[in-house]
């Protein structure tokens, strides 16, 4: 929404440990984020948010049918998959971590990620996954760019160039800067990050 200039007001809700789901249910039916509130309408799933926005805004998905179909498939694959990447490489923009081990299961997902990104960039001939402009499919993989940075995970040249482009986007830089300034810590996330690797640096304030 930031990248496409769609106005909204962000409400940042810190995790509340074991009580997170219960406290988040005050605004999100699932007790999870993200949740988009538009008047009386609540949209509590990231893929549903993308489709909801596509009903009223242009540029959410590619205009070309083939590119749009591919983008939806790739976004859905990210939405429902890459569980090893999610579980092993917890989301924390401010840390730099060397993994103790890249497991075969994680490597398989990294290989698939590389394959998927290179396919989109090659097939649709742009700097982004489904063409020359940023669309919802890129938004779904934006958090992965931060994960690759945090854990120093290397893919092919084409894929890493895509990561660099994502990280240079103004909304991504704003997201990163805001993350470094966060003062609270979630114990479970801290423990997860410490369990899987060696902390090389902590850039958080």
N, C-alpha and C. Protein backbone atom coordinates (compact mmCIF):
# COMPACT_ATOMS: atom_id res chain seq x y z
N UNK A 1 0.84 -1.20 0.00
CA UNK A 1 0.00 0.00 0.00
C UNK A 1 0.88 1.25 0.00
N UNK A 2 1.97 1.23 0.75
CA UNK A 2 2.89 2.38 0.73
C UNK A 2 3.52 2.55 -0.65
N UNK A 3 3.98 1.45 -1.22
CA UNK A 3 4.67 1.53 -2.50
C UNK A 3 3.75 2.03 -3.61
N UNK A 4 2.48 1.66 -3.56
CA UNK A 4 1.53 2.06 -4.60
C UNK A 4 0.79 3.35 -4.24
N UNK A 5 1.11 3.97 -3.12
CA UNK A 5 0.51 5.25 -2.76
C UNK A 5 -0.94 5.16 -2.33
N UNK A 6 -1.34 4.02 -1.77
CA UNK A 6 -2.71 3.86 -1.27
C UNK A 6 -2.73 4.33 0.18
N UNK A 7 -3.49 5.37 0.49
CA UNK A 7 -3.44 5.93 1.85
C UNK A 7 -4.06 5.00 2.89
N UNK A 8 -3.43 4.96 4.04
CA UNK A 8 -3.97 4.20 5.16
C UNK A 8 -3.29 4.70 6.43
N UNK A 9 -3.87 4.38 7.56
CA UNK A 9 -3.28 4.72 8.85
C UNK A 9 -2.80 3.44 9.51
N UNK A 10 -1.54 3.42 9.86
CA UNK A 10 -0.95 2.22 10.47
C UNK A 10 -1.09 2.29 11.99
N UNK A 11 -1.50 1.17 12.57
CA UNK A 11 -1.55 1.04 14.02
C UNK A 11 -0.60 -0.10 14.40
N UNK A 12 0.49 0.23 15.05
CA UNK A 12 1.49 -0.75 15.42
C UNK A 12 1.12 -1.38 16.75
N UNK A 13 0.99 -2.71 16.77
CA UNK A 13 0.57 -3.43 17.96
C UNK A 13 1.68 -4.37 18.40
N UNK A 14 2.36 -4.10 19.50
CA UNK A 14 3.42 -4.99 19.97
C UNK A 14 2.87 -6.36 20.36
N UNK A 15 3.69 -7.39 20.19
CA UNK A 15 3.32 -8.71 20.67
C UNK A 15 3.14 -8.67 22.19
N UNK A 16 2.25 -9.50 22.68
CA UNK A 16 1.97 -9.52 24.12
C UNK A 16 2.21 -10.89 24.72
N UNK A 17 3.23 -11.59 24.18
CA UNK A 17 3.58 -12.90 24.71
C UNK A 17 2.44 -13.90 24.55
N UNK A 18 2.15 -14.62 25.61
CA UNK A 18 1.11 -15.64 25.57
C UNK A 18 -0.27 -15.05 25.36
N UNK A 19 -0.43 -13.76 25.65
CA UNK A 19 -1.74 -13.11 25.52
C UNK A 19 -1.93 -12.41 24.18
N UNK A 20 -0.98 -12.58 23.25
CA UNK A 20 -1.04 -11.86 21.98
C UNK A 20 -2.34 -12.13 21.23
N UNK A 21 -2.67 -13.41 21.02
CA UNK A 21 -3.87 -13.74 20.23
C UNK A 21 -5.12 -13.14 20.86
N UNK A 22 -5.25 -13.22 22.17
CA UNK A 22 -6.43 -12.69 22.85
C UNK A 22 -6.52 -11.18 22.71
N UNK A 23 -5.40 -10.49 22.87
CA UNK A 23 -5.43 -9.03 22.77
C UNK A 23 -5.64 -8.57 21.34
N UNK A 24 -5.08 -9.30 20.37
CA UNK A 24 -5.24 -8.92 18.96
C UNK A 24 -6.67 -9.17 18.47
N UNK A 25 -7.41 -10.04 19.13
CA UNK A 25 -8.79 -10.29 18.70
C UNK A 25 -9.70 -9.07 18.91
N UNK A 26 -9.22 -8.08 19.61
CA UNK A 26 -9.98 -6.85 19.76
C UNK A 26 -10.16 -6.14 18.41
N UNK A 27 -9.23 -6.39 17.48
CA UNK A 27 -9.34 -5.75 16.16
C UNK A 27 -9.25 -6.75 15.01
N UNK A 28 -8.77 -7.98 15.28
CA UNK A 28 -8.60 -8.97 14.22
C UNK A 28 -9.31 -10.26 14.61
N UNK A 29 -10.27 -10.72 13.82
CA UNK A 29 -11.03 -11.93 14.17
C UNK A 29 -10.15 -13.15 14.42
N UNK A 30 -9.01 -13.26 13.74
CA UNK A 30 -8.14 -14.41 13.91
C UNK A 30 -7.15 -14.24 15.06
N UNK A 31 -7.07 -13.03 15.59
CA UNK A 31 -6.08 -12.75 16.61
C UNK A 31 -4.67 -12.62 16.04
N UNK A 32 -4.57 -12.39 14.73
CA UNK A 32 -3.28 -12.29 14.06
C UNK A 32 -3.22 -11.01 13.23
N UNK A 33 -2.02 -10.65 12.84
CA UNK A 33 -1.81 -9.52 11.93
C UNK A 33 -1.15 -10.04 10.66
N UNK A 34 -1.32 -9.30 9.53
CA UNK A 34 -1.98 -8.01 9.41
C UNK A 34 -3.50 -8.13 9.39
N UNK A 35 -4.12 -7.01 9.70
CA UNK A 35 -5.58 -6.91 9.59
C UNK A 35 -5.91 -5.53 9.04
N UNK A 36 -6.64 -5.49 7.96
CA UNK A 36 -7.06 -4.23 7.35
C UNK A 36 -8.48 -3.92 7.79
N UNK A 37 -8.68 -2.73 8.35
CA UNK A 37 -10.01 -2.29 8.78
C UNK A 37 -10.43 -1.15 7.87
N UNK A 38 -11.51 -1.36 7.16
CA UNK A 38 -12.04 -0.35 6.24
C UNK A 38 -13.49 -0.12 6.60
N UNK A 39 -13.74 0.88 7.44
CA UNK A 39 -15.10 1.10 7.92
C UNK A 39 -15.55 -0.07 8.77
N UNK A 40 -16.66 -0.69 8.38
CA UNK A 40 -17.17 -1.84 9.11
C UNK A 40 -16.56 -3.16 8.64
N UNK A 41 -15.73 -3.08 7.61
CA UNK A 41 -15.14 -4.29 7.03
C UNK A 41 -13.78 -4.57 7.64
N UNK A 42 -13.57 -5.82 8.03
CA UNK A 42 -12.28 -6.25 8.54
C UNK A 42 -11.76 -7.38 7.64
N UNK A 43 -10.54 -7.22 7.19
CA UNK A 43 -9.91 -8.21 6.32
C UNK A 43 -8.66 -8.69 7.04
N UNK A 44 -8.67 -9.92 7.52
CA UNK A 44 -7.65 -10.38 8.48
C UNK A 44 -6.66 -11.38 7.92
N UNK A 45 -6.47 -11.39 6.64
CA UNK A 45 -5.50 -12.30 6.03
C UNK A 45 -4.78 -11.55 4.92
N UNK A 46 -3.47 -11.75 4.81
CA UNK A 46 -2.67 -10.96 3.87
C UNK A 46 -3.09 -11.16 2.42
N UNK A 47 -3.37 -12.41 2.02
CA UNK A 47 -3.80 -12.64 0.64
C UNK A 47 -5.18 -12.04 0.40
N UNK A 48 -6.06 -12.15 1.38
CA UNK A 48 -7.38 -11.54 1.25
C UNK A 48 -7.28 -10.02 1.17
N UNK A 49 -6.32 -9.44 1.90
CA UNK A 49 -6.12 -7.99 1.84
C UNK A 49 -5.72 -7.58 0.42
N UNK A 50 -4.82 -8.34 -0.19
CA UNK A 50 -4.41 -8.03 -1.56
C UNK A 50 -5.60 -8.07 -2.51
N UNK A 51 -6.44 -9.09 -2.37
CA UNK A 51 -7.60 -9.21 -3.26
C UNK A 51 -8.63 -8.12 -2.97
N UNK A 52 -8.79 -7.77 -1.71
CA UNK A 52 -9.73 -6.70 -1.35
C UNK A 52 -9.28 -5.38 -1.97
N UNK A 53 -7.99 -5.09 -1.89
CA UNK A 53 -7.47 -3.87 -2.48
C UNK A 53 -7.63 -3.87 -4.00
N UNK A 54 -7.48 -5.05 -4.60
CA UNK A 54 -7.59 -5.16 -6.06
C UNK A 54 -9.00 -4.85 -6.55
N UNK A 55 -9.99 -4.95 -5.65
CA UNK A 55 -11.36 -4.63 -6.03
C UNK A 55 -11.55 -3.13 -6.26
N UNK A 56 -10.72 -2.32 -5.60
CA UNK A 56 -10.95 -0.87 -5.65
C UNK A 56 -9.75 -0.05 -6.13
N UNK A 57 -8.60 -0.71 -6.36
CA UNK A 57 -7.41 0.02 -6.77
C UNK A 57 -6.74 -0.68 -7.95
N UNK A 58 -6.16 0.10 -8.84
CA UNK A 58 -5.41 -0.48 -9.95
C UNK A 58 -3.97 -0.74 -9.52
N UNK A 59 -3.31 -1.62 -10.23
CA UNK A 59 -1.90 -1.86 -10.01
C UNK A 59 -1.58 -2.87 -8.93
N UNK A 60 -2.60 -3.44 -8.29
CA UNK A 60 -2.33 -4.42 -7.24
C UNK A 60 -1.75 -5.69 -7.86
N UNK A 61 -2.38 -6.17 -8.90
CA UNK A 61 -1.87 -7.30 -9.67
C UNK A 61 -1.51 -6.82 -11.07
N UNK A 62 -0.65 -7.52 -11.81
CA UNK A 62 -0.31 -7.11 -13.18
C UNK A 62 -1.54 -7.08 -14.09
N UNK A 63 -1.51 -6.21 -15.06
CA UNK A 63 -2.63 -6.12 -16.01
C UNK A 63 -2.65 -7.30 -16.97
N UNK A 64 -1.49 -7.76 -17.39
CA UNK A 64 -1.40 -8.88 -18.32
C UNK A 64 -1.90 -10.16 -17.65
N UNK A 65 -2.76 -10.91 -18.34
CA UNK A 65 -3.38 -12.09 -17.75
C UNK A 65 -2.36 -13.14 -17.34
N UNK A 66 -1.39 -13.43 -18.23
CA UNK A 66 -0.39 -14.45 -17.91
C UNK A 66 0.44 -14.04 -16.70
N UNK A 67 0.84 -12.78 -16.67
CA UNK A 67 1.64 -12.27 -15.54
C UNK A 67 0.81 -12.26 -14.27
N UNK A 68 -0.46 -11.89 -14.39
CA UNK A 68 -1.34 -11.84 -13.22
C UNK A 68 -1.57 -13.24 -12.65
N UNK A 69 -1.77 -14.21 -13.54
CA UNK A 69 -1.98 -15.58 -13.09
C UNK A 69 -0.75 -16.12 -12.38
N UNK A 70 0.42 -15.88 -12.99
CA UNK A 70 1.67 -16.33 -12.38
C UNK A 70 1.88 -15.65 -11.02
N UNK A 71 1.62 -14.36 -10.96
CA UNK A 71 1.82 -13.60 -9.73
C UNK A 71 0.93 -14.11 -8.61
N UNK A 72 -0.31 -14.43 -8.94
CA UNK A 72 -1.22 -14.96 -7.92
C UNK A 72 -0.74 -16.33 -7.42
N UNK A 73 -0.26 -17.17 -8.34
CA UNK A 73 0.25 -18.47 -7.94
C UNK A 73 1.47 -18.33 -7.03
N UNK A 74 2.39 -17.46 -7.41
CA UNK A 74 3.61 -17.27 -6.62
C UNK A 74 3.29 -16.68 -5.25
N UNK A 75 2.37 -15.72 -5.20
CA UNK A 75 1.98 -15.14 -3.92
C UNK A 75 1.31 -16.18 -3.03
N UNK A 76 0.45 -17.00 -3.63
CA UNK A 76 -0.22 -18.05 -2.86
C UNK A 76 0.78 -19.09 -2.35
N UNK A 77 1.80 -19.39 -3.16
CA UNK A 77 2.83 -20.33 -2.72
C UNK A 77 3.58 -19.78 -1.51
N UNK A 78 3.88 -18.49 -1.53
CA UNK A 78 4.54 -17.88 -0.38
C UNK A 78 3.60 -17.86 0.82
N UNK A 79 2.35 -17.56 0.55
CA UNK A 79 1.35 -17.43 1.62
C UNK A 79 1.17 -18.74 2.39
N UNK A 80 1.23 -19.85 1.68
CA UNK A 80 0.93 -21.14 2.32
C UNK A 80 2.15 -22.01 2.54
N UNK A 81 3.30 -21.62 2.01
CA UNK A 81 4.46 -22.48 2.05
C UNK A 81 5.69 -21.85 2.69
N UNK A 82 6.84 -22.38 2.32
CA UNK A 82 8.14 -21.93 2.82
C UNK A 82 8.17 -21.96 4.36
N UNK A 83 7.67 -23.05 4.91
CA UNK A 83 7.55 -23.16 6.37
C UNK A 83 8.91 -23.28 7.05
N UNK A 84 9.88 -23.91 6.39
CA UNK A 84 11.20 -24.01 6.99
C UNK A 84 11.86 -22.64 7.09
N UNK A 85 11.73 -21.86 6.05
CA UNK A 85 12.28 -20.50 6.05
C UNK A 85 11.63 -19.67 7.15
N UNK A 86 10.33 -19.79 7.30
CA UNK A 86 9.61 -19.03 8.33
C UNK A 86 10.04 -19.48 9.74
N UNK A 87 10.12 -20.81 9.94
CA UNK A 87 10.36 -21.33 11.28
C UNK A 87 11.81 -21.20 11.72
N UNK A 88 12.74 -21.44 10.80
CA UNK A 88 14.16 -21.38 11.16
C UNK A 88 14.65 -19.94 11.18
N UNK A 89 14.28 -19.19 10.17
CA UNK A 89 14.77 -17.81 10.03
C UNK A 89 13.69 -16.84 10.49
N UNK A 90 13.56 -16.72 11.81
CA UNK A 90 12.54 -15.84 12.36
C UNK A 90 12.76 -14.40 11.89
N UNK A 91 11.68 -13.66 11.78
CA UNK A 91 11.75 -12.30 11.24
C UNK A 91 12.30 -11.34 12.28
N UNK A 92 13.50 -10.82 12.02
CA UNK A 92 14.09 -9.81 12.89
C UNK A 92 15.07 -8.98 12.06
N UNK A 93 14.64 -7.78 11.67
CA UNK A 93 15.43 -6.96 10.77
C UNK A 93 16.76 -6.51 11.38
N UNK A 94 16.80 -6.37 12.71
CA UNK A 94 17.95 -5.74 13.34
C UNK A 94 19.08 -6.65 13.72
N UNK A 95 18.94 -7.96 13.52
CA UNK A 95 20.00 -8.90 13.88
C UNK A 95 20.76 -9.35 12.64
N UNK A 96 22.00 -9.77 12.86
CA UNK A 96 22.77 -10.46 11.83
C UNK A 96 23.20 -11.78 12.45
N UNK A 97 22.77 -12.88 11.83
CA UNK A 97 22.91 -14.21 12.42
C UNK A 97 23.55 -15.16 11.42
N UNK A 98 24.50 -15.94 11.91
CA UNK A 98 25.08 -17.03 11.13
C UNK A 98 24.43 -18.32 11.59
N UNK A 99 23.67 -18.96 10.70
CA UNK A 99 22.99 -20.20 11.07
C UNK A 99 23.98 -21.29 11.46
N UNK A 100 23.60 -22.07 12.46
CA UNK A 100 24.40 -23.23 12.81
C UNK A 100 24.41 -24.23 11.66
N UNK A 101 23.27 -24.33 10.96
CA UNK A 101 23.14 -25.31 9.89
C UNK A 101 22.07 -24.86 8.91
N UNK A 102 22.34 -25.01 7.63
CA UNK A 102 21.30 -24.89 6.62
C UNK A 102 20.83 -26.31 6.33
N UNK A 103 19.69 -26.66 6.89
CA UNK A 103 19.19 -28.02 6.78
C UNK A 103 18.81 -28.34 5.34
N UNK A 104 18.78 -29.61 4.96
CA UNK A 104 18.33 -29.96 3.60
C UNK A 104 16.95 -29.41 3.28
N UNK A 105 16.04 -29.42 4.26
CA UNK A 105 14.69 -28.91 4.02
C UNK A 105 14.72 -27.41 3.76
N UNK A 106 15.52 -26.68 4.53
CA UNK A 106 15.65 -25.24 4.29
C UNK A 106 16.31 -24.97 2.95
N UNK A 107 17.34 -25.72 2.62
CA UNK A 107 18.01 -25.52 1.34
C UNK A 107 17.06 -25.79 0.17
N UNK A 108 16.20 -26.78 0.32
CA UNK A 108 15.23 -27.06 -0.74
C UNK A 108 14.31 -25.85 -0.96
N UNK A 109 13.91 -25.20 0.13
CA UNK A 109 13.05 -24.02 -0.02
C UNK A 109 13.82 -22.85 -0.61
N UNK A 110 15.08 -22.69 -0.24
CA UNK A 110 15.89 -21.62 -0.83
C UNK A 110 16.08 -21.86 -2.33
N UNK A 111 16.27 -23.10 -2.70
CA UNK A 111 16.42 -23.44 -4.12
C UNK A 111 15.13 -23.12 -4.87
N UNK A 112 13.99 -23.47 -4.28
CA UNK A 112 12.72 -23.17 -4.91
C UNK A 112 12.49 -21.66 -4.99
N UNK A 113 12.86 -20.94 -3.95
CA UNK A 113 12.72 -19.49 -3.95
C UNK A 113 13.53 -18.87 -5.08
N UNK A 114 14.76 -19.32 -5.23
CA UNK A 114 15.63 -18.82 -6.29
C UNK A 114 15.01 -19.12 -7.66
N UNK A 115 14.55 -20.35 -7.83
CA UNK A 115 13.93 -20.76 -9.09
C UNK A 115 12.71 -19.90 -9.42
N UNK A 116 11.88 -19.66 -8.42
CA UNK A 116 10.65 -18.89 -8.62
C UNK A 116 10.97 -17.46 -9.01
N UNK A 117 11.86 -16.84 -8.27
CA UNK A 117 12.21 -15.44 -8.56
C UNK A 117 12.84 -15.30 -9.94
N UNK A 118 13.77 -16.18 -10.26
CA UNK A 118 14.43 -16.09 -11.57
C UNK A 118 13.45 -16.33 -12.71
N UNK A 119 12.50 -17.22 -12.49
CA UNK A 119 11.48 -17.47 -13.51
C UNK A 119 10.66 -16.21 -13.78
N UNK A 120 10.18 -15.57 -12.72
CA UNK A 120 9.36 -14.38 -12.91
C UNK A 120 10.12 -13.25 -13.58
N UNK A 121 11.34 -13.00 -13.13
CA UNK A 121 12.13 -11.90 -13.69
C UNK A 121 12.47 -12.18 -15.15
N UNK A 122 12.81 -13.42 -15.46
CA UNK A 122 13.16 -13.77 -16.85
C UNK A 122 11.92 -13.79 -17.75
N UNK A 123 10.86 -14.35 -17.26
CA UNK A 123 9.66 -14.53 -18.10
C UNK A 123 8.95 -13.23 -18.41
N UNK A 124 8.92 -12.32 -17.43
CA UNK A 124 8.14 -11.10 -17.63
C UNK A 124 8.99 -9.86 -17.84
N UNK A 125 10.29 -10.04 -17.87
CA UNK A 125 11.21 -9.03 -18.36
C UNK A 125 11.26 -7.72 -17.60
N UNK A 126 11.17 -7.79 -16.28
CA UNK A 126 11.22 -6.56 -15.51
C UNK A 126 12.13 -6.68 -14.31
N UNK A 127 12.22 -5.60 -13.57
CA UNK A 127 13.02 -5.60 -12.36
C UNK A 127 12.28 -6.26 -11.19
N UNK A 128 10.95 -6.46 -11.40
CA UNK A 128 10.14 -7.07 -10.36
C UNK A 128 9.66 -8.44 -10.84
N UNK A 129 8.97 -9.17 -9.98
CA UNK A 129 8.68 -10.56 -10.28
C UNK A 129 7.73 -10.78 -11.44
N UNK A 130 6.83 -9.83 -11.65
CA UNK A 130 5.84 -10.03 -12.71
C UNK A 130 5.83 -8.87 -13.71
N UNK A 131 6.98 -8.23 -13.87
CA UNK A 131 7.05 -7.15 -14.84
C UNK A 131 7.89 -5.98 -14.36
N UNK A 132 7.60 -4.81 -14.91
CA UNK A 132 8.43 -3.63 -14.65
C UNK A 132 8.00 -2.86 -13.42
N UNK A 133 6.85 -3.20 -12.85
CA UNK A 133 6.36 -2.47 -11.69
C UNK A 133 6.14 -3.38 -10.49
N UNK A 134 6.22 -2.81 -9.32
CA UNK A 134 5.98 -3.51 -8.07
C UNK A 134 4.49 -3.83 -7.94
N UNK A 135 4.18 -5.10 -7.67
CA UNK A 135 2.78 -5.50 -7.48
C UNK A 135 2.69 -6.37 -6.22
N UNK A 136 1.50 -6.91 -5.98
CA UNK A 136 1.26 -7.65 -4.74
C UNK A 136 2.20 -8.83 -4.57
N UNK A 137 2.61 -9.47 -5.65
CA UNK A 137 3.50 -10.62 -5.52
C UNK A 137 4.83 -10.20 -4.91
N UNK A 138 5.31 -9.01 -5.24
CA UNK A 138 6.55 -8.52 -4.65
C UNK A 138 6.35 -8.21 -3.16
N UNK A 139 5.16 -7.73 -2.81
CA UNK A 139 4.87 -7.45 -1.40
C UNK A 139 4.94 -8.73 -0.57
N UNK A 140 4.49 -9.84 -1.15
CA UNK A 140 4.50 -11.10 -0.41
C UNK A 140 5.92 -11.61 -0.15
N UNK A 141 6.85 -11.24 -1.02
CA UNK A 141 8.22 -11.70 -0.83
C UNK A 141 9.11 -10.64 -0.18
N UNK A 142 8.58 -9.46 0.07
CA UNK A 142 9.38 -8.40 0.70
C UNK A 142 9.96 -8.83 2.05
N UNK A 143 9.18 -9.49 2.94
CA UNK A 143 9.78 -9.92 4.21
C UNK A 143 10.92 -10.93 4.02
N UNK A 144 10.88 -11.69 2.94
CA UNK A 144 11.94 -12.66 2.67
C UNK A 144 13.27 -11.94 2.42
N UNK A 145 13.21 -10.77 1.80
CA UNK A 145 14.44 -9.99 1.56
C UNK A 145 15.12 -9.66 2.88
N UNK A 146 14.31 -9.30 3.89
CA UNK A 146 14.89 -9.02 5.20
C UNK A 146 15.46 -10.29 5.83
N UNK A 147 14.79 -11.40 5.67
CA UNK A 147 15.29 -12.66 6.23
C UNK A 147 16.63 -13.04 5.60
N UNK A 148 16.74 -12.90 4.29
CA UNK A 148 18.00 -13.23 3.62
C UNK A 148 19.12 -12.32 4.12
N UNK A 149 18.79 -11.05 4.37
CA UNK A 149 19.78 -10.11 4.89
C UNK A 149 20.20 -10.49 6.31
N UNK A 150 19.23 -10.79 7.16
CA UNK A 150 19.52 -11.12 8.56
C UNK A 150 20.41 -12.34 8.68
N UNK A 151 20.13 -13.37 7.87
CA UNK A 151 20.83 -14.65 8.01
C UNK A 151 21.92 -14.85 6.95
N UNK A 152 22.17 -13.81 6.15
CA UNK A 152 23.22 -13.86 5.13
C UNK A 152 23.07 -15.09 4.24
N UNK A 153 21.86 -15.32 3.78
CA UNK A 153 21.58 -16.44 2.90
C UNK A 153 21.77 -15.99 1.45
N UNK A 154 22.54 -16.74 0.69
CA UNK A 154 22.90 -16.33 -0.66
C UNK A 154 22.16 -17.17 -1.70
N UNK A 155 21.61 -16.46 -2.68
CA UNK A 155 20.98 -17.11 -3.82
C UNK A 155 21.77 -16.74 -5.08
N UNK A 156 21.18 -16.95 -6.25
CA UNK A 156 21.86 -16.62 -7.50
C UNK A 156 22.02 -15.11 -7.65
N UNK A 157 22.83 -14.70 -8.60
CA UNK A 157 23.06 -13.27 -8.84
C UNK A 157 21.75 -12.56 -9.15
N UNK A 158 20.93 -13.16 -10.00
CA UNK A 158 19.65 -12.54 -10.37
C UNK A 158 18.76 -12.36 -9.15
N UNK A 159 18.68 -13.38 -8.32
CA UNK A 159 17.84 -13.31 -7.12
C UNK A 159 18.36 -12.28 -6.13
N UNK A 160 19.67 -12.22 -5.95
CA UNK A 160 20.24 -11.27 -4.99
C UNK A 160 20.13 -9.83 -5.50
N UNK A 161 20.15 -9.65 -6.79
CA UNK A 161 19.91 -8.31 -7.35
C UNK A 161 18.47 -7.89 -7.07
N UNK A 162 17.55 -8.83 -7.13
CA UNK A 162 16.15 -8.54 -6.80
C UNK A 162 16.02 -8.17 -5.32
N UNK A 163 16.70 -8.91 -4.45
CA UNK A 163 16.70 -8.58 -3.02
C UNK A 163 17.19 -7.15 -2.81
N UNK A 164 18.28 -6.80 -3.48
CA UNK A 164 18.83 -5.45 -3.33
C UNK A 164 17.84 -4.39 -3.78
N UNK A 165 17.10 -4.66 -4.86
CA UNK A 165 16.10 -3.69 -5.32
C UNK A 165 15.00 -3.53 -4.29
N UNK A 166 14.55 -4.63 -3.72
CA UNK A 166 13.51 -4.54 -2.70
C UNK A 166 13.99 -3.73 -1.50
N UNK A 167 15.19 -4.00 -1.03
CA UNK A 167 15.70 -3.35 0.16
C UNK A 167 15.92 -1.85 -0.04
N UNK A 168 16.05 -1.43 -1.29
CA UNK A 168 16.27 -0.01 -1.58
C UNK A 168 14.98 0.78 -1.74
N UNK A 169 13.84 0.10 -1.83
CA UNK A 169 12.57 0.80 -1.95
C UNK A 169 12.32 1.66 -0.71
N UNK A 170 11.78 2.86 -0.92
CA UNK A 170 11.58 3.76 0.22
C UNK A 170 10.73 3.15 1.32
N UNK A 171 9.59 2.49 1.02
CA UNK A 171 8.82 1.87 2.10
C UNK A 171 9.60 0.79 2.84
N UNK A 172 10.47 0.08 2.14
CA UNK A 172 11.28 -0.94 2.79
C UNK A 172 12.32 -0.30 3.71
N UNK A 173 12.91 0.80 3.26
CA UNK A 173 13.89 1.50 4.11
C UNK A 173 13.20 2.07 5.35
N UNK A 174 11.97 2.59 5.19
CA UNK A 174 11.22 3.11 6.32
C UNK A 174 10.88 1.99 7.30
N UNK A 175 10.50 0.83 6.77
CA UNK A 175 10.18 -0.34 7.59
C UNK A 175 11.42 -0.75 8.39
N UNK A 176 12.55 -0.81 7.73
CA UNK A 176 13.79 -1.22 8.37
C UNK A 176 14.20 -0.23 9.47
N UNK A 177 14.15 1.05 9.15
CA UNK A 177 14.53 2.07 10.14
C UNK A 177 13.62 2.01 11.37
N UNK A 178 12.32 1.82 11.13
CA UNK A 178 11.38 1.73 12.24
C UNK A 178 11.66 0.49 13.09
N UNK A 179 12.02 -0.61 12.44
CA UNK A 179 12.31 -1.84 13.17
C UNK A 179 13.51 -1.67 14.10
N UNK A 180 14.53 -0.96 13.63
CA UNK A 180 15.72 -0.77 14.45
C UNK A 180 15.44 0.10 15.67
N UNK A 181 14.41 0.93 15.58
CA UNK A 181 14.09 1.84 16.67
C UNK A 181 13.15 1.22 17.71
N UNK A 182 12.59 0.06 17.41
CA UNK A 182 11.67 -0.55 18.37
C UNK A 182 12.40 -0.85 19.68
N UNK A 183 11.76 -0.49 20.78
CA UNK A 183 12.42 -0.65 22.09
C UNK A 183 12.01 -1.93 22.82
N UNK A 184 10.90 -2.54 22.42
CA UNK A 184 10.45 -3.74 23.13
C UNK A 184 11.03 -4.99 22.48
N UNK A 185 11.05 -6.08 23.24
CA UNK A 185 11.55 -7.36 22.77
C UNK A 185 10.52 -8.44 23.08
N UNK A 186 10.35 -9.37 22.17
CA UNK A 186 9.47 -10.52 22.39
C UNK A 186 10.35 -11.72 22.73
N UNK A 187 10.19 -12.24 23.93
CA UNK A 187 11.09 -13.29 24.42
C UNK A 187 11.13 -14.50 23.50
N UNK A 188 9.97 -14.93 23.00
CA UNK A 188 9.94 -16.12 22.16
C UNK A 188 10.72 -15.92 20.86
N UNK A 189 10.57 -14.74 20.26
CA UNK A 189 11.31 -14.46 19.03
C UNK A 189 12.82 -14.37 19.32
N UNK A 190 13.17 -13.77 20.44
CA UNK A 190 14.58 -13.68 20.82
C UNK A 190 15.18 -15.07 21.01
N UNK A 191 14.43 -15.94 21.67
CA UNK A 191 14.91 -17.30 21.90
C UNK A 191 15.06 -18.07 20.59
N UNK A 192 14.09 -17.90 19.70
CA UNK A 192 14.15 -18.58 18.41
C UNK A 192 15.39 -18.15 17.63
N UNK A 193 15.65 -16.84 17.63
CA UNK A 193 16.81 -16.33 16.90
C UNK A 193 18.11 -16.83 17.51
N UNK A 194 18.15 -16.98 18.82
CA UNK A 194 19.36 -17.47 19.47
C UNK A 194 19.57 -18.95 19.32
N UNK A 195 18.48 -19.68 19.12
CA UNK A 195 18.57 -21.14 19.04
C UNK A 195 19.18 -21.62 17.73
N UNK A 196 18.91 -20.91 16.63
CA UNK A 196 19.27 -21.42 15.31
C UNK A 196 20.65 -21.01 14.84
N UNK A 197 21.25 -20.01 15.49
CA UNK A 197 22.53 -19.55 14.99
C UNK A 197 23.27 -18.66 15.97
N UNK A 198 24.41 -18.18 15.53
CA UNK A 198 25.25 -17.29 16.32
C UNK A 198 24.95 -15.85 15.95
N UNK A 199 24.66 -15.02 16.96
CA UNK A 199 24.41 -13.60 16.70
C UNK A 199 25.74 -12.91 16.41
N UNK A 200 25.85 -12.36 15.22
CA UNK A 200 27.05 -11.63 14.84
C UNK A 200 26.95 -10.16 15.16
N UNK A 201 25.73 -9.63 15.11
CA UNK A 201 25.53 -8.22 15.39
C UNK A 201 24.07 -7.97 15.76
N UNK A 202 23.87 -6.98 16.63
CA UNK A 202 22.53 -6.54 16.99
C UNK A 202 22.48 -5.04 16.74
N UNK A 203 21.77 -4.64 15.70
CA UNK A 203 21.75 -3.25 15.25
C UNK A 203 20.59 -2.47 15.85
N UNK A 204 19.82 -3.10 16.71
CA UNK A 204 18.64 -2.45 17.28
C UNK A 204 19.04 -1.44 18.34
N UNK A 205 18.20 -0.40 18.49
CA UNK A 205 18.50 0.65 19.45
C UNK A 205 18.40 0.15 20.89
